[in-house]
Amino acid sequence: MLALRIVVLYSNNYVVELNIMF
């Protein structure tokens, strides 16, 4: 469960960074 949560947080940060780039 903890690993899944970390992956979700990482994915959210990745999406936010992409939004800032574009």
PDB file of N, CA and C in Angstrom:
ATOM      1  N   MET A   1       0.838  -1.202   0.000  1.00  0.00           N
ATOM      2  CA  MET A   1       0.000   0.000   0.000  1.00  0.00           C
ATOM      3  C   MET A   1       0.875   1.255   0.000  1.00  0.00           C
ATOM      4  N   LEU A   2       1.912   1.260   0.827  1.00  0.00           N
ATOM      5  CA  LEU A   2       2.787   2.446   0.911  1.00  0.00           C
ATOM      6  C   LEU A   2       3.460   2.696  -0.427  1.00  0.00           C
ATOM      7  N   ALA A   3       3.912   1.615  -1.073  1.00  0.00           N
ATOM      8  CA  ALA A   3       4.583   1.758  -2.375  1.00  0.00           C
ATOM      9  C   ALA A   3       3.605   2.366  -3.385  1.00  0.00           C
ATOM     10  N   LEU A   4       2.372   1.915  -3.370  1.00  0.00           N
ATOM     11  CA  LEU A   4       1.372   2.431  -4.307  1.00  0.00           C
ATOM     12  C   LEU A   4       1.171   3.926  -4.073  1.00  0.00           C
ATOM     13  N   ARG A   5       1.156   4.320  -2.799  1.00  0.00           N
ATOM     14  CA  ARG A   5       0.956   5.735  -2.448  1.00  0.00           C
ATOM     15  C   ARG A   5       2.119   6.572  -2.977  1.00  0.00           C
ATOM     16  N   ILE A   6       3.317   6.055  -2.839  1.00  0.00           N
ATOM     17  CA  ILE A   6       4.500   6.789  -3.313  1.00  0.00           C
ATOM     18  C   ILE A   6       4.423   6.964  -4.834  1.00  0.00           C
ATOM     19  N   VAL A   7       4.011   5.923  -5.516  1.00  0.00           N
ATOM     20  CA  VAL A   7       3.900   5.994  -6.984  1.00  0.00           C
ATOM     21  C   VAL A   7       2.875   7.056  -7.376  1.00  0.00           C
ATOM     22  N   VAL A   8       1.765   7.106  -6.655  1.00  0.00           N
ATOM     23  CA  VAL A   8       0.725   8.100  -6.960  1.00  0.00           C
ATOM     24  C   VAL A   8       1.267   9.507  -6.751  1.00  0.00           C
ATOM     25  N   LEU A   9       1.971   9.720  -5.639  1.00  0.00           N
ATOM     26  CA  LEU A   9       2.536  11.046  -5.354  1.00  0.00           C
ATOM     27  C   LEU A   9       3.535  11.412  -6.437  1.00  0.00           C
ATOM     28  N   TYR A  10       4.377  10.483  -6.834  1.00  0.00           N
ATOM     29  CA  TYR A  10       5.379  10.736  -7.871  1.00  0.00           C
ATOM     30  C   TYR A  10       4.687  11.094  -9.193  1.00  0.00           C
ATOM     31  N   SER A  11       3.631  10.373  -9.525  1.00  0.00           N
ATOM     32  CA  SER A  11       2.903  10.627 -10.767  1.00  0.00           C
ATOM     33  C   SER A  11       2.287  12.023 -10.740  1.00  0.00           C
ATOM     34  N   ASN A  12       1.720  12.400  -9.595  1.00  0.00           N
ATOM     35  CA  ASN A  12       1.107  13.727  -9.483  1.00  0.00           C
ATOM     36  C   ASN A  12       2.162  14.811  -9.674  1.00  0.00           C
ATOM     37  N   ASN A  13       3.322  14.641  -9.070  1.00  0.00           N
ATOM     38  CA  ASN A  13       4.385  15.637  -9.210  1.00  0.00           C
ATOM     39  C   ASN A  13       4.837  15.710 -10.664  1.00  0.00           C
ATOM     40  N   TYR A  14       4.919  14.576 -11.321  1.00  0.00           N
ATOM     41  CA  TYR A  14       5.357  14.530 -12.724  1.00  0.00           C
ATOM     42  C   TYR A  14       4.366  15.306 -13.603  1.00  0.00           C
ATOM     43  N   VAL A  15       3.088  15.099 -13.362  1.00  0.00           N
ATOM     44  CA  VAL A  15       2.050  15.785 -14.146  1.00  0.00           C
ATOM     45  C   VAL A  15       2.128  17.290 -13.898  1.00  0.00           C
ATOM     46  N   VAL A  16       2.311  17.684 -12.645  1.00  0.00           N
ATOM     47  CA  VAL A  16       2.392  19.111 -12.316  1.00  0.00           C
ATOM     48  C   VAL A  16       3.586  19.740 -13.022  1.00  0.00           C
ATOM     49  N   GLU A  17       4.718  19.049 -13.032  1.00  0.00           N
ATOM     50  CA  GLU A  17       5.911  19.582 -13.699  1.00  0.00           C
ATOM     51  C   GLU A  17       5.659  19.724 -15.202  1.00  0.00           C
ATOM     52  N   LEU A  18       4.958  18.770 -15.788  1.00  0.00           N
ATOM     53  CA  LEU A  18       4.667  18.857 -17.220  1.00  0.00           C
ATOM     54  C   LEU A  18       3.774  20.066 -17.492  1.00  0.00           C
ATOM     55  N   ASN A  19       2.801  20.305 -16.605  1.00  0.00           N
ATOM     56  CA  ASN A  19       1.903  21.446 -16.779  1.00  0.00           C
ATOM     57  C   ASN A  19       2.684  22.749 -16.692  1.00  0.00           C
ATOM     58  N   ILE A  20       3.665  22.817 -15.803  1.00  0.00           N
ATOM     59  CA  ILE A  20       4.475  24.031 -15.665  1.00  0.00           C
ATOM     60  C   ILE A  20       5.322  24.229 -16.922  1.00  0.00           C
ATOM     61  N   MET A  21       5.855  23.127 -17.469  1.00  0.00           N
ATOM     62  CA  MET A  21       6.700  23.215 -18.664  1.00  0.00           C
ATOM     63  C   MET A  21       5.895  23.726 -19.855  1.00  0.00           C
ATOM     64  N   PHE A  22       4.683  23.214 -20.016  1.00  0.00           N
ATOM     65  CA  PHE A  22       3.890  23.605 -21.186  1.00  0.00           C
ATOM     66  C   PHE A  22       2.945  24.731 -20.829  1.00  0.00           C
TER      67      PHE A  22
END
